[in-house]
N, C-alpha and C. Protein backbone atom coordinates (compact mmCIF):
# COMPACT_ATOMS: atom_id res chain seq x y z
N MET A 1 -17.21 16.51 1.12
CA MET A 1 -16.93 15.82 2.36
C MET A 1 -17.10 16.81 3.51
N ARG A 2 -17.84 16.41 4.51
CA ARG A 2 -18.07 17.28 5.68
C ARG A 2 -16.78 17.41 6.49
N ASP A 3 -16.70 18.50 7.24
CA ASP A 3 -15.49 18.78 8.01
C ASP A 3 -15.16 17.68 9.01
N ASP A 4 -16.17 17.12 9.70
CA ASP A 4 -15.89 16.09 10.70
C ASP A 4 -15.37 14.81 10.03
N ALA A 5 -15.91 14.44 8.88
CA ALA A 5 -15.43 13.27 8.15
C ALA A 5 -14.04 13.53 7.60
N LEU A 6 -13.79 14.73 7.14
CA LEU A 6 -12.48 15.11 6.63
C LEU A 6 -11.43 15.04 7.74
N THR A 7 -11.79 15.54 8.91
CA THR A 7 -10.88 15.50 10.05
C THR A 7 -10.59 14.06 10.46
N ARG A 8 -11.62 13.23 10.54
CA ARG A 8 -11.42 11.81 10.90
C ARG A 8 -10.51 11.10 9.91
N ALA A 9 -10.76 11.30 8.63
CA ALA A 9 -9.95 10.66 7.60
C ALA A 9 -8.51 11.16 7.66
N SER A 10 -8.34 12.44 7.89
CA SER A 10 -6.99 13.01 7.97
C SER A 10 -6.24 12.51 9.20
N ARG A 11 -6.95 12.37 10.32
CA ARG A 11 -6.32 11.79 11.53
C ARG A 11 -5.91 10.34 11.29
N ARG A 12 -6.79 9.59 10.64
CA ARG A 12 -6.50 8.19 10.34
C ARG A 12 -5.27 8.08 9.44
N GLU A 13 -5.20 8.95 8.45
CA GLU A 13 -4.03 8.96 7.56
C GLU A 13 -2.75 9.24 8.36
N HIS A 14 -2.82 10.22 9.24
CA HIS A 14 -1.67 10.59 10.05
C HIS A 14 -1.21 9.41 10.91
N VAL A 15 -2.16 8.74 11.55
CA VAL A 15 -1.84 7.58 12.38
C VAL A 15 -1.20 6.47 11.55
N LEU A 16 -1.78 6.20 10.39
CA LEU A 16 -1.25 5.13 9.54
C LEU A 16 0.17 5.42 9.06
N TYR A 17 0.45 6.66 8.68
CA TYR A 17 1.82 6.99 8.27
C TYR A 17 2.80 6.83 9.43
N GLY A 18 2.38 7.21 10.62
CA GLY A 18 3.24 7.02 11.79
C GLY A 18 3.49 5.55 12.07
N GLU A 19 2.44 4.73 11.97
CA GLU A 19 2.59 3.30 12.21
C GLU A 19 3.46 2.65 11.12
N LEU A 20 3.28 3.09 9.88
CA LEU A 20 4.07 2.53 8.79
C LEU A 20 5.55 2.86 8.96
N ALA A 21 5.85 4.09 9.32
CA ALA A 21 7.24 4.48 9.55
C ALA A 21 7.84 3.66 10.69
N ALA A 22 7.09 3.47 11.76
CA ALA A 22 7.57 2.68 12.90
C ALA A 22 7.78 1.22 12.50
N LEU A 23 6.87 0.69 11.71
CA LEU A 23 7.01 -0.69 11.24
C LEU A 23 8.28 -0.85 10.40
N TYR A 24 8.51 0.07 9.48
CA TYR A 24 9.72 0.02 8.66
C TYR A 24 10.98 0.12 9.52
N ARG A 25 10.96 0.98 10.54
CA ARG A 25 12.13 1.10 11.42
C ARG A 25 12.39 -0.22 12.15
N GLY A 26 11.32 -0.88 12.61
CA GLY A 26 11.47 -2.16 13.29
C GLY A 26 12.02 -3.24 12.37
N LEU A 27 11.53 -3.29 11.15
CA LEU A 27 12.05 -4.26 10.19
C LEU A 27 13.51 -3.97 9.85
N LEU A 28 13.84 -2.70 9.71
CA LEU A 28 15.22 -2.31 9.43
C LEU A 28 16.14 -2.74 10.57
N GLU A 29 15.70 -2.52 11.78
CA GLU A 29 16.49 -2.92 12.94
C GLU A 29 16.69 -4.44 12.95
N ALA A 30 15.65 -5.19 12.63
CA ALA A 30 15.76 -6.65 12.61
C ALA A 30 16.75 -7.12 11.55
N LEU A 31 16.79 -6.44 10.42
CA LEU A 31 17.70 -6.84 9.35
C LEU A 31 19.14 -6.42 9.60
N THR A 32 19.35 -5.37 10.34
CA THR A 32 20.71 -4.86 10.53
C THR A 32 21.34 -5.27 11.84
N ASP A 33 20.61 -5.99 12.69
CA ASP A 33 21.18 -6.47 13.95
C ASP A 33 22.01 -7.72 13.67
N GLU A 34 23.32 -7.55 13.60
CA GLU A 34 24.21 -8.66 13.28
C GLU A 34 24.33 -9.68 14.41
N ARG A 35 23.89 -9.31 15.60
CA ARG A 35 24.00 -10.22 16.75
C ARG A 35 22.90 -11.27 16.78
N ALA A 36 21.85 -11.06 16.02
CA ALA A 36 20.70 -11.97 16.09
C ALA A 36 20.35 -12.47 14.69
N PRO A 37 19.92 -13.72 14.60
CA PRO A 37 19.47 -14.21 13.30
C PRO A 37 18.17 -13.51 12.90
N VAL A 38 17.96 -13.42 11.62
CA VAL A 38 16.74 -12.78 11.12
C VAL A 38 15.57 -13.75 11.30
N ASP A 39 14.52 -13.27 11.92
CA ASP A 39 13.31 -14.06 12.11
C ASP A 39 12.44 -13.88 10.87
N ALA A 40 12.46 -14.89 10.00
CA ALA A 40 11.74 -14.80 8.73
C ALA A 40 10.24 -14.59 8.94
N ALA A 41 9.67 -15.25 9.94
CA ALA A 41 8.23 -15.10 10.20
C ALA A 41 7.91 -13.65 10.58
N HIS A 42 8.78 -13.03 11.35
CA HIS A 42 8.60 -11.63 11.73
C HIS A 42 8.63 -10.73 10.50
N LEU A 43 9.59 -10.99 9.60
CA LEU A 43 9.68 -10.19 8.38
C LEU A 43 8.44 -10.37 7.50
N VAL A 44 8.00 -11.60 7.35
CA VAL A 44 6.83 -11.88 6.51
C VAL A 44 5.59 -11.19 7.08
N SER A 45 5.40 -11.28 8.38
CA SER A 45 4.22 -10.62 8.97
C SER A 45 4.34 -9.11 8.88
N GLY A 46 5.56 -8.59 9.01
CA GLY A 46 5.76 -7.15 8.88
C GLY A 46 5.46 -6.65 7.48
N VAL A 47 5.91 -7.41 6.48
CA VAL A 47 5.63 -7.03 5.10
C VAL A 47 4.13 -7.08 4.82
N ALA A 48 3.46 -8.11 5.34
CA ALA A 48 2.00 -8.21 5.15
C ALA A 48 1.30 -7.02 5.80
N ARG A 49 1.74 -6.66 6.99
CA ARG A 49 1.13 -5.51 7.69
C ARG A 49 1.40 -4.22 6.92
N ALA A 50 2.59 -4.07 6.38
CA ALA A 50 2.92 -2.87 5.59
C ALA A 50 2.03 -2.79 4.35
N GLN A 51 1.77 -3.93 3.73
CA GLN A 51 0.89 -3.94 2.57
C GLN A 51 -0.53 -3.54 2.95
N GLU A 52 -1.00 -4.01 4.09
CA GLU A 52 -2.33 -3.60 4.56
C GLU A 52 -2.38 -2.09 4.77
N MET A 53 -1.34 -1.57 5.42
CA MET A 53 -1.31 -0.13 5.70
C MET A 53 -1.27 0.68 4.42
N THR A 54 -0.44 0.27 3.47
CA THR A 54 -0.35 1.05 2.23
C THR A 54 -1.65 0.96 1.44
N GLY A 55 -2.35 -0.16 1.53
CA GLY A 55 -3.67 -0.26 0.91
C GLY A 55 -4.66 0.70 1.54
N ALA A 56 -4.64 0.75 2.87
CA ALA A 56 -5.53 1.68 3.58
C ALA A 56 -5.16 3.13 3.26
N LEU A 57 -3.87 3.42 3.17
CA LEU A 57 -3.44 4.78 2.83
C LEU A 57 -3.86 5.15 1.41
N ALA A 58 -3.80 4.21 0.49
CA ALA A 58 -4.24 4.49 -0.89
C ALA A 58 -5.72 4.81 -0.92
N ALA A 59 -6.50 4.06 -0.15
CA ALA A 59 -7.94 4.33 -0.09
C ALA A 59 -8.21 5.71 0.51
N LEU A 60 -7.48 6.06 1.56
CA LEU A 60 -7.65 7.38 2.17
C LEU A 60 -7.22 8.48 1.20
N ASP A 61 -6.15 8.24 0.47
CA ASP A 61 -5.69 9.23 -0.49
C ASP A 61 -6.76 9.49 -1.55
N ALA A 62 -7.38 8.42 -2.02
CA ALA A 62 -8.45 8.58 -3.01
C ALA A 62 -9.61 9.39 -2.44
N GLU A 63 -9.88 9.18 -1.18
CA GLU A 63 -10.98 9.89 -0.51
C GLU A 63 -10.63 11.36 -0.28
N LEU A 64 -9.37 11.62 0.08
CA LEU A 64 -8.96 12.98 0.43
C LEU A 64 -8.51 13.80 -0.77
N ALA A 65 -8.14 13.16 -1.86
CA ALA A 65 -7.57 13.87 -3.02
C ALA A 65 -8.44 15.01 -3.55
N PRO A 66 -9.74 14.80 -3.71
CA PRO A 66 -10.55 15.92 -4.23
C PRO A 66 -10.50 17.15 -3.33
N VAL A 67 -10.51 16.95 -2.05
CA VAL A 67 -10.48 18.08 -1.11
C VAL A 67 -9.11 18.74 -1.15
N ARG A 68 -8.06 17.93 -1.25
CA ARG A 68 -6.70 18.48 -1.32
C ARG A 68 -6.54 19.33 -2.57
N ARG A 69 -7.09 18.87 -3.67
CA ARG A 69 -6.98 19.65 -4.92
C ARG A 69 -7.66 21.01 -4.78
N GLU A 70 -8.75 21.03 -4.05
CA GLU A 70 -9.44 22.32 -3.84
C GLU A 70 -8.58 23.27 -3.02
N GLY A 71 -7.78 22.70 -2.10
CA GLY A 71 -6.90 23.53 -1.29
C GLY A 71 -7.58 24.22 -0.13
N ARG A 72 -8.86 23.91 0.10
CA ARG A 72 -9.58 24.53 1.22
C ARG A 72 -9.94 23.45 2.22
N ALA A 73 -9.51 23.67 3.45
CA ALA A 73 -9.81 22.74 4.54
C ALA A 73 -9.61 23.48 5.85
N PRO A 74 -10.22 22.99 6.91
CA PRO A 74 -10.01 23.61 8.23
C PRO A 74 -8.52 23.58 8.61
N ALA A 75 -8.13 24.51 9.45
CA ALA A 75 -6.72 24.63 9.86
C ALA A 75 -6.20 23.33 10.47
N GLU A 76 -7.02 22.66 11.28
CA GLU A 76 -6.59 21.40 11.90
C GLU A 76 -6.26 20.37 10.83
N VAL A 77 -7.05 20.30 9.81
CA VAL A 77 -6.84 19.33 8.72
C VAL A 77 -5.57 19.67 7.95
N LEU A 78 -5.38 20.95 7.66
CA LEU A 78 -4.16 21.36 6.96
C LEU A 78 -2.92 21.00 7.77
N ALA A 79 -3.00 21.21 9.08
CA ALA A 79 -1.87 20.84 9.96
C ALA A 79 -1.64 19.33 9.94
N LEU A 80 -2.72 18.55 9.96
CA LEU A 80 -2.59 17.09 9.89
C LEU A 80 -1.96 16.67 8.57
N TRP A 81 -2.34 17.31 7.49
CA TRP A 81 -1.77 16.96 6.19
C TRP A 81 -0.27 17.25 6.16
N ARG A 82 0.13 18.39 6.73
CA ARG A 82 1.56 18.72 6.77
C ARG A 82 2.32 17.70 7.62
N ALA A 83 1.77 17.37 8.77
CA ALA A 83 2.41 16.39 9.65
C ALA A 83 2.44 15.00 8.98
N SER A 84 1.39 14.66 8.28
CA SER A 84 1.35 13.38 7.57
C SER A 84 2.38 13.33 6.46
N ALA A 85 2.58 14.45 5.78
CA ALA A 85 3.58 14.51 4.72
C ALA A 85 4.98 14.27 5.29
N THR A 86 5.24 14.81 6.46
CA THR A 86 6.53 14.59 7.12
C THR A 86 6.70 13.11 7.47
N LEU A 87 5.66 12.51 8.03
CA LEU A 87 5.71 11.09 8.37
C LEU A 87 5.86 10.22 7.12
N ALA A 88 5.17 10.60 6.06
CA ALA A 88 5.26 9.84 4.80
C ALA A 88 6.68 9.90 4.24
N ALA A 89 7.31 11.07 4.32
CA ALA A 89 8.69 11.20 3.85
C ALA A 89 9.63 10.35 4.70
N ASP A 90 9.39 10.32 6.00
CA ASP A 90 10.19 9.48 6.91
C ASP A 90 10.01 8.00 6.57
N ALA A 91 8.77 7.61 6.34
CA ALA A 91 8.49 6.21 5.99
C ALA A 91 9.16 5.84 4.67
N ALA A 92 9.11 6.73 3.70
CA ALA A 92 9.72 6.47 2.40
C ALA A 92 11.24 6.34 2.53
N ALA A 93 11.86 7.21 3.30
CA ALA A 93 13.31 7.14 3.49
C ALA A 93 13.70 5.85 4.22
N THR A 94 12.94 5.49 5.23
CA THR A 94 13.22 4.26 5.97
C THR A 94 13.00 3.04 5.08
N ASN A 95 11.99 3.10 4.22
CA ASN A 95 11.75 2.01 3.29
C ASN A 95 12.94 1.84 2.34
N ARG A 96 13.50 2.93 1.86
CA ARG A 96 14.69 2.84 0.99
C ARG A 96 15.85 2.21 1.75
N GLU A 97 16.05 2.60 2.99
CA GLU A 97 17.11 2.00 3.81
C GLU A 97 16.85 0.51 4.03
N LEU A 98 15.59 0.17 4.24
CA LEU A 98 15.19 -1.21 4.45
C LEU A 98 15.51 -2.06 3.22
N LEU A 99 15.17 -1.56 2.05
CA LEU A 99 15.47 -2.29 0.82
C LEU A 99 16.96 -2.46 0.62
N SER A 100 17.72 -1.43 0.93
CA SER A 100 19.18 -1.51 0.82
C SER A 100 19.74 -2.53 1.81
N ALA A 101 19.24 -2.52 3.04
CA ALA A 101 19.71 -3.47 4.06
C ALA A 101 19.34 -4.90 3.68
N ALA A 102 18.17 -5.09 3.10
CA ALA A 102 17.76 -6.43 2.67
C ALA A 102 18.69 -6.93 1.57
N GLY A 103 19.03 -6.07 0.63
CA GLY A 103 19.97 -6.45 -0.42
C GLY A 103 21.34 -6.79 0.13
N ALA A 104 21.81 -5.98 1.08
CA ALA A 104 23.11 -6.24 1.70
C ALA A 104 23.09 -7.56 2.46
N ARG A 105 22.00 -7.82 3.13
CA ARG A 105 21.89 -9.08 3.89
C ARG A 105 21.91 -10.28 2.94
N GLN A 106 21.25 -10.15 1.78
CA GLN A 106 21.27 -11.23 0.80
C GLN A 106 22.68 -11.47 0.27
N VAL A 107 23.42 -10.41 0.01
CA VAL A 107 24.81 -10.54 -0.46
C VAL A 107 25.64 -11.25 0.60
N ALA A 108 25.47 -10.88 1.85
CA ALA A 108 26.23 -11.51 2.93
C ALA A 108 25.89 -12.99 3.05
N ILE A 109 24.62 -13.32 2.89
CA ILE A 109 24.21 -14.73 2.97
C ILE A 109 24.81 -15.52 1.81
N ARG A 110 24.79 -14.95 0.61
CA ARG A 110 25.39 -15.64 -0.54
C ARG A 110 26.89 -15.85 -0.34
N ALA A 111 27.57 -14.84 0.19
CA ALA A 111 29.01 -14.97 0.43
C ALA A 111 29.28 -16.05 1.47
N ARG A 112 28.51 -16.09 2.52
CA ARG A 112 28.68 -17.12 3.56
C ARG A 112 28.40 -18.50 2.99
N ARG A 113 27.38 -18.59 2.17
CA ARG A 113 27.05 -19.88 1.54
C ARG A 113 28.19 -20.36 0.65
N SER A 114 28.80 -19.46 -0.11
CA SER A 114 29.94 -19.82 -0.96
C SER A 114 31.12 -20.30 -0.13
N THR A 115 31.37 -19.62 0.98
CA THR A 115 32.46 -20.02 1.87
C THR A 115 32.20 -21.42 2.43
N LEU A 116 30.99 -21.67 2.85
CA LEU A 116 30.65 -22.99 3.39
C LEU A 116 30.74 -24.07 2.32
N ALA A 117 30.32 -23.75 1.10
CA ALA A 117 30.40 -24.73 0.01
C ALA A 117 31.84 -25.07 -0.31
N ALA A 118 32.73 -24.06 -0.31
CA ALA A 118 34.15 -24.30 -0.56
C ALA A 118 34.75 -25.16 0.55
N GLY A 119 34.35 -24.90 1.79
CA GLY A 119 34.83 -25.70 2.91
C GLY A 119 34.36 -27.14 2.81
N ARG A 120 33.12 -27.33 2.42
CA ARG A 120 32.57 -28.68 2.25
C ARG A 120 33.34 -29.42 1.17
N GLN A 121 33.63 -28.73 0.07
CA GLN A 121 34.37 -29.36 -1.03
C GLN A 121 35.78 -29.74 -0.57
N ALA A 122 36.41 -28.88 0.20
CA ALA A 122 37.76 -29.19 0.71
C ALA A 122 37.71 -30.38 1.65
N LEU A 123 36.70 -30.45 2.49
CA LEU A 123 36.59 -31.58 3.42
C LEU A 123 36.32 -32.90 2.68
N THR A 124 35.62 -32.82 1.58
CA THR A 124 35.33 -34.02 0.78
C THR A 124 36.63 -34.66 0.29
N SER A 125 37.65 -33.84 0.02
CA SER A 125 38.94 -34.35 -0.45
C SER A 125 39.62 -35.21 0.60
N TYR A 126 39.28 -35.05 1.84
CA TYR A 126 39.93 -35.79 2.93
C TYR A 126 39.04 -36.88 3.51
N ARG A 127 38.08 -37.31 2.76
CA ARG A 127 37.16 -38.35 3.22
C ARG A 127 37.93 -39.67 3.41
N PRO A 128 37.70 -40.35 4.53
CA PRO A 128 38.37 -41.64 4.75
C PRO A 128 38.00 -42.65 3.66
N THR A 129 38.97 -43.53 3.32
CA THR A 129 38.75 -44.53 2.27
C THR A 129 38.01 -45.74 2.77
N GLY A 130 37.90 -45.91 4.07
CA GLY A 130 37.19 -47.05 4.62
C GLY A 130 38.11 -48.02 5.33
N ASP A 131 39.42 -47.98 5.03
CA ASP A 131 40.36 -48.90 5.68
C ASP A 131 41.18 -48.18 6.76
N GLY A 132 40.73 -47.02 7.14
CA GLY A 132 41.42 -46.29 8.20
C GLY A 132 42.43 -45.28 7.68
N THR A 133 42.73 -45.32 6.39
CA THR A 133 43.65 -44.35 5.84
C THR A 133 42.87 -43.19 5.24
N VAL A 134 43.56 -42.12 5.00
CA VAL A 134 42.93 -40.94 4.43
C VAL A 134 43.47 -40.73 3.02
N ALA A 135 42.58 -40.59 2.08
CA ALA A 135 42.97 -40.35 0.71
C ALA A 135 43.05 -38.86 0.47
N VAL A 136 44.25 -38.38 0.22
CA VAL A 136 44.45 -36.95 -0.04
C VAL A 136 44.29 -36.70 -1.53
N GLY A 137 43.48 -35.73 -1.86
CA GLY A 137 43.29 -35.35 -3.23
C GLY A 137 42.30 -36.25 -3.98
N ARG A 138 41.69 -37.16 -3.32
CA ARG A 138 40.73 -38.05 -3.95
C ARG A 138 39.37 -37.37 -4.03
N ARG A 139 38.71 -37.48 -5.14
CA ARG A 139 37.38 -36.89 -5.31
C ARG A 139 36.32 -37.92 -4.94
N ALA A 140 35.28 -37.46 -4.30
CA ALA A 140 34.19 -38.37 -3.93
C ALA A 140 33.18 -38.49 -5.02
């Protein structure tokens, strides 16, 4: 691989890792903001975008791997690889936090659903009989 192609590919990798880390941070923020409902469409599009980015990163890794194994590259490329490794570690850590937050959000939703179901069942016990009286303890 020529130096200019190597530099371009390494820059692209660096940009993609930065964008992926930022995307994960945004998704994490959306999941952990208790003041706002989760926008499912936003999450779905974010996950799709993350998959596109990781696919592109895999392709770049396949392209760059032989040169990395050799261990010889221009100083600029070596610096980009180090910076990309830092961004990749950040993205991986944020992804772990994201998965944990998604699991916690699911647990909270299940707990809320159980509470609502219990409330609905309790209200069913007090359903009017039709003649204006209330039947206590009657099952519907």
